Protein backbone atom coordinates (compact mmCIF):
# COMPACT_ATOMS: atom_id res chain seq x y z
CA MET A 1 -0.03 -0.04 -0.05
CA ASN A 2 1.49 3.45 -0.85
CA TYR A 3 0.87 5.30 2.38
CA SER A 4 2.42 8.43 0.65
CA ILE A 5 -0.98 9.12 -1.02
CA TYR A 6 -2.57 9.41 2.47
CA LEU A 7 0.18 11.58 4.01
CA LEU A 8 0.28 14.22 1.10
CA PRO A 9 -2.69 16.16 2.42
CA ASP A 10 -1.18 16.42 5.82
CA CYS A 11 2.10 17.40 4.29
CA ILE A 12 0.54 20.30 2.26
CA THR A 13 -1.26 21.44 5.43
CA PHE A 14 1.87 21.14 7.36
CA ILE A 15 3.71 23.53 4.79
CA PHE A 16 0.60 25.89 4.85
CA GLY A 17 0.95 25.98 8.59
CA LEU A 18 4.58 26.81 8.29
CA CYS A 19 4.08 29.70 6.00
CA ILE A 20 1.03 31.12 8.25
CA GLY A 21 3.68 30.58 11.17
CA SER A 22 6.16 32.86 9.33
CA PHE A 23 3.31 35.51 9.12
CA ILE A 24 2.65 34.81 12.87
CA ASN A 25 6.26 35.85 13.58
CA VAL A 26 5.88 39.17 11.76
CA CYS A 27 2.80 39.94 13.98
CA ILE A 28 4.49 38.99 16.96
CA TYR A 29 7.47 41.22 16.20
CA ARG A 30 5.44 44.23 14.65
CA LEU A 31 2.07 44.68 16.49
CA PRO A 32 3.66 45.87 19.65
CA ARG A 33 5.86 48.55 17.94
CA GLU A 34 4.41 51.80 17.26
CA ASP A 35 6.91 52.62 14.42
CA MET A 36 5.78 49.83 12.22
CA ASN A 37 2.81 47.51 11.32
CA ILE A 38 2.20 44.22 9.39
CA HIS A 39 2.17 46.12 6.04
CA HIS A 40 5.30 48.49 6.69
CA PRO A 41 7.89 47.78 5.98
CA ARG A 42 6.78 45.32 3.25
CA ARG A 43 9.82 43.07 3.38
CA SER A 44 11.27 41.20 6.39
CA PHE A 45 14.72 42.21 7.82
CA CYS A 46 17.25 41.39 10.57
CA PRO A 47 16.22 42.92 13.70
CA ALA A 48 19.95 43.61 14.70
CA CYS A 49 21.43 44.97 11.58
CA LEU A 50 18.21 45.85 9.69
CA GLU A 51 19.48 44.32 6.49
CA GLN A 52 16.50 43.17 4.23
CA LEU A 53 16.03 39.35 3.76
CA ARG A 54 16.32 37.88 0.38
CA PHE A 55 13.44 35.39 -0.63
CA TRP A 56 15.66 32.26 0.30
CA GLU A 57 16.52 33.57 3.66
CA ASN A 58 12.64 33.72 4.51
CA ILE A 59 11.51 30.42 3.83
CA PRO A 60 10.08 28.88 6.78
CA LEU A 61 11.91 26.60 8.87
CA ILE A 62 14.39 25.71 6.12
CA SER A 63 16.04 29.21 6.09
CA TYR A 64 16.78 28.85 9.71
CA ILE A 65 18.41 25.52 9.35
CA PHE A 66 20.33 26.58 6.12
CA LEU A 67 21.65 29.68 7.80
CA ARG A 68 22.45 27.87 10.83
CA GLY A 69 20.34 30.06 12.98
CA ARG A 70 22.58 33.39 12.16
CA CYS A 71 21.90 36.17 10.01
CA ARG A 72 23.95 36.13 6.62
CA SER A 73 25.00 39.72 6.91
CA CYS A 74 25.87 40.40 10.55
CA LYS A 75 26.18 36.96 11.97
CA THR A 76 23.89 37.77 14.75
CA SER A 77 22.08 34.60 16.16
CA ILE A 78 18.55 34.39 15.20
CA SER A 79 16.10 33.63 17.90
CA LEU A 80 14.94 29.86 18.18
CA ARG A 81 11.42 31.49 18.77
CA TYR A 82 11.04 32.11 14.91
CA PRO A 83 11.14 28.23 13.83
CA LEU A 84 9.45 27.18 16.96
CA VAL A 85 6.43 29.68 16.20
CA GLU A 86 6.47 28.13 12.68
CA LEU A 87 6.48 24.70 13.98
CA ILE A 88 3.55 25.18 16.43
CA SER A 89 1.56 26.85 13.56
CA ALA A 90 2.05 23.87 11.32
CA CYS A 91 1.26 21.42 14.06
CA PHE A 92 -2.00 23.38 14.82
CA ALA A 93 -2.81 23.29 11.01
CA VAL A 94 -2.48 19.47 10.81
CA ALA A 95 -4.18 18.94 14.22
CA VAL A 96 -6.99 20.99 13.12
CA SER A 97 -7.15 19.20 9.76
CA LEU A 98 -7.18 15.82 11.42
CA LYS A 99 -10.05 16.84 14.04
CA PHE A 100 -12.40 18.79 11.99
CA GLY A 101 -11.20 18.06 8.43
CA LEU A 102 -10.79 20.67 5.64
CA THR A 103 -13.73 22.27 6.65
CA LEU A 104 -15.11 26.10 7.45
CA THR A 105 -15.18 24.91 11.09
CA GLY A 106 -11.51 23.84 10.97
CA LEU A 107 -10.54 27.13 9.26
CA ILE A 108 -12.42 29.18 11.97
CA TYR A 109 -10.57 27.21 14.75
CA TYR A 110 -7.21 27.64 13.05
CA ILE A 111 -7.59 31.28 12.71
CA LEU A 112 -8.36 31.35 16.59
CA LEU A 113 -5.55 29.33 17.37
CA SER A 114 -3.15 31.50 15.15
CA SER A 115 -4.43 34.69 16.98
CA LEU A 116 -3.91 32.92 20.42
CA VAL A 117 -0.32 32.20 19.51
CA ILE A 118 0.31 35.91 18.58
CA ILE A 119 -1.34 36.96 21.81
CA THR A 120 0.67 34.48 23.88
CA PHE A 121 4.07 35.66 22.75
CA ILE A 122 3.23 39.35 22.90
CA ASP A 123 1.73 39.17 26.33
CA LEU A 124 4.89 37.11 27.60
CA ASP A 125 7.17 39.80 25.95
CA TYR A 126 5.38 43.00 26.79
CA GLN A 127 2.40 42.12 29.22
CA ILE A 128 -0.14 43.51 26.80
CA ILE A 129 -2.87 42.05 24.54
CA PRO A 130 -3.24 44.07 21.45
CA ASN A 131 -6.88 45.39 20.93
CA VAL A 132 -6.10 45.10 17.18
CA ILE A 133 -6.72 41.09 17.61
CA SER A 134 -9.12 40.78 20.62
CA LEU A 135 -11.71 43.64 19.68
CA PRO A 136 -12.20 42.64 16.20
CA GLY A 137 -11.84 39.02 17.48
CA ILE A 138 -15.26 39.53 19.71
CA ILE A 139 -17.23 40.58 16.28
CA ILE A 140 -15.58 37.92 14.33
CA GLY A 141 -16.24 35.16 16.84
CA PHE A 142 -19.96 36.19 17.25
CA ILE A 143 -20.41 36.13 13.42
CA ALA A 144 -18.48 32.67 13.34
CA SER A 145 -20.89 31.22 15.93
CA PHE A 146 -23.55 30.75 13.35
CA TYR A 147 -21.41 28.43 11.52
CA LEU A 148 -19.68 26.31 14.19
CA PRO A 149 -21.30 23.17 15.30
CA GLY A 150 -22.80 23.12 18.76
CA MET A 151 -22.81 27.12 18.83
CA SER A 152 -25.50 29.74 18.17
CA GLY A 153 -25.56 33.65 18.52
CA GLN A 154 -27.16 33.16 21.84
CA GLU A 155 -24.45 30.91 23.24
CA SER A 156 -21.77 33.23 21.63
CA PHE A 157 -23.39 36.38 23.24
CA LEU A 158 -23.53 34.67 26.68
CA GLY A 159 -19.74 33.52 26.36
CA ILE A 160 -18.87 37.31 25.63
CA LEU A 161 -21.24 38.65 28.54
CA ILE A 162 -20.32 36.18 31.21
CA GLY A 163 -16.50 36.07 30.05
CA GLY A 164 -15.82 39.52 29.71
CA GLY A 165 -18.14 40.89 32.35
CA LEU A 166 -17.08 38.14 34.95
CA PHE A 167 -13.32 39.00 34.38
CA PHE A 168 -14.11 42.81 34.52
CA LEU A 169 -15.76 42.24 37.84
CA ILE A 170 -12.92 40.45 39.22
CA ALA A 171 -10.48 43.22 37.94
CA TYR A 172 -12.69 46.02 39.46
CA VAL A 173 -13.10 44.29 43.00
CA PHE A 174 -9.45 43.63 43.01
CA VAL A 175 -8.50 47.24 42.46
CA LYS A 176 -11.21 48.30 45.08
CA ILE A 177 -9.70 45.80 47.69
CA ARG A 178 -5.80 46.04 47.01
CA GLY A 179 -5.77 49.26 45.29
CA ILE A 180 -3.60 48.04 42.38
CA ASP A 181 -4.53 46.29 39.11
CA GLY A 182 -4.51 42.79 39.47
CA MET A 183 -5.63 41.89 36.10
CA GLY A 184 -5.21 43.95 32.95
CA MET A 185 -8.23 44.96 30.66
CA GLY A 186 -6.57 43.01 27.92
CA ASP A 187 -7.29 39.82 29.74
CA VAL A 188 -11.01 40.92 30.03
CA LYS A 189 -11.26 41.47 26.38
CA LEU A 190 -9.30 38.33 25.30
CA LEU A 191 -11.88 36.17 27.52
CA ALA A 192 -14.71 38.10 25.93
CA MET A 193 -13.10 36.99 22.48
CA LEU A 194 -12.86 33.46 23.51
CA GLY A 195 -16.55 33.46 24.70
CA ALA A 196 -17.58 34.67 21.48
CA PHE A 197 -16.00 31.88 19.62
CA LEU A 198 -16.47 29.18 22.12
CA GLY A 199 -19.64 30.06 24.11
CA LEU A 200 -20.28 29.96 27.66
CA LYS A 201 -19.38 26.38 28.53
CA GLY A 202 -15.79 27.18 26.85
CA VAL A 203 -15.60 30.28 29.06
CA MET A 204 -16.23 28.28 32.21
CA PHE A 205 -13.77 25.64 31.02
CA ILE A 206 -11.08 28.25 30.12
CA ILE A 207 -11.75 30.23 33.54
CA PHE A 208 -11.22 26.98 35.63
CA ILE A 209 -8.25 25.50 33.78
CA SER A 210 -6.52 28.81 33.28
CA SER A 211 -6.71 29.60 36.95
CA VAL A 212 -5.18 26.12 37.85
CA ILE A 213 -2.36 26.26 35.40
CA GLY A 214 -1.85 30.07 36.55
CA THR A 215 -1.70 29.17 40.21
CA LEU A 216 0.74 26.42 39.70
CA SER A 217 2.77 28.62 37.51
CA GLY A 218 2.84 31.34 39.96
CA ILE A 219 3.90 29.00 42.80
CA LEU A 220 6.86 27.77 40.57
CA VAL A 221 7.76 31.33 39.99
CA MET A 222 7.71 32.32 43.60
CA ILE A 223 9.78 29.11 44.51
CA GLN A 224 12.31 29.90 41.70
CA ASN A 225 12.67 33.59 42.76
CA ARG A 226 12.65 32.83 46.38
CA SER A 227 10.04 35.56 46.61
CA PHE A 228 6.83 34.69 48.21
CA THR A 229 4.82 37.84 47.55
CA LEU A 230 1.70 38.78 45.77
CA GLN A 231 3.05 41.67 43.86
CA GLN A 232 4.59 39.70 41.14
CA LYS A 233 3.31 40.26 37.78
CA ILE A 234 2.73 37.15 35.52
CA PRO A 235 0.90 37.53 32.09
CA PHE A 236 -2.52 35.75 32.39
CA GLY A 237 -3.02 35.86 28.58
CA PRO A 238 -0.82 32.84 27.90
CA PHE A 239 -2.75 30.80 30.37
CA LEU A 240 -6.14 31.79 28.87
CA SER A 241 -4.74 30.81 25.56
CA ILE A 242 -3.53 27.53 26.64
CA ALA A 243 -6.90 26.61 28.31
CA ALA A 244 -8.78 27.68 25.14
CA MET A 245 -6.48 25.31 22.94
CA LEU A 246 -7.27 22.46 25.34
CA TYR A 247 -11.04 23.18 24.93
CA ILE A 248 -11.10 23.23 21.27
CA PHE A 249 -9.27 19.83 20.88
CA TRP A 250 -10.32 17.90 23.98
CA GLY A 251 -12.73 20.14 25.87
CA GLU A 252 -16.00 17.85 25.71
CA VAL A 253 -13.79 14.62 26.61
CA LEU A 254 -11.94 16.50 29.62
CA ILE A 255 -15.54 17.86 30.99
CA ILE A 256 -16.95 14.41 30.74
CA LYS A 257 -14.13 12.83 32.51
CA TYR A 258 -14.33 15.54 35.19
CA VAL A 259 -17.95 15.07 35.81
CA LEU A 260 -17.58 11.28 36.17
CA TRP A 261 -14.62 11.71 38.51
CA LEU A 262 -16.81 14.08 40.76
CA ARG A 263 -19.50 11.42 40.68
CA GLY A 264 -16.98 8.65 41.73
CA ILE A 265 -17.68 6.71 38.39
C-alpha cells in the first residue's frame, strides 16, 4: 500500500501552517511597536542590522536551518522562537485538519489558534494583549458562532457577556480591595473574544483551567525567585490561550471525565 497518498494532504497542510507561522512571527514582532505595522515595511529584515532578507532567507524553517541560526549579513544569532512559532503553527494546522477536516469549522478554529499564538508571545514579552486582535475577534467570533457546530448567536453572546463581564468584575473588585491592578483589561477583552468563539461552556472551562495553570505557575515562579509575594506580575493571557487550545481539541472529553470523577464513577 502506498501510504504517501494518505500523507500528502497532511504534508500540504503542514507546509501551509509553516507559511502562516512565518506571518505570525511578523505579527508578534511588529504589532507591539508603534513605528511599524504588518504592512510596513513590506519586506522582512534582520532586527540586529536591519538588512532586508532575500527570498531564500525567508523560507519557513528551512532558512533557519540553512543559515545555521545566524543572520547572513551580521552573523547575529536568530532567536529560536522563529522556527518554534512556525512549527507550532504547522502542528496546529495538521491537528485542526485531522480533527475537523478541511472544513469551514477547521478554518475558523485555526484562525483562532493562530491569534492565540500571537497573543501569547506578545503578552509574554510586553504584558499587553493587542486590541487590534481581541476587539475585532469578539465581532468575528460572534459571526462565526452561526457556522460552528454546537454554537449559536445566543451561546456566543452569553460567552461574551459572562466571560468579559466576570473578568471585569474580578478586576474591578481587586482594584477596590488592593488598590492596584491585578488583572489587565486586555485579559478581559481576550476572554470576551474566546467567549464569542467558544460560548458559555467554553468560557467556564477556560476560567477553571487557566486559574489552575496560572496558580501552579505562580507558585513555581515564587519558588524559583525565592520571593513569596503577591506583587509579582505574571501575564495571564498565555494561560487563557492554553486553556482555550485544550478546550478546542479535548474540551468535551475533559469535561465528561471531570463530571464522572466528581460522581465517583
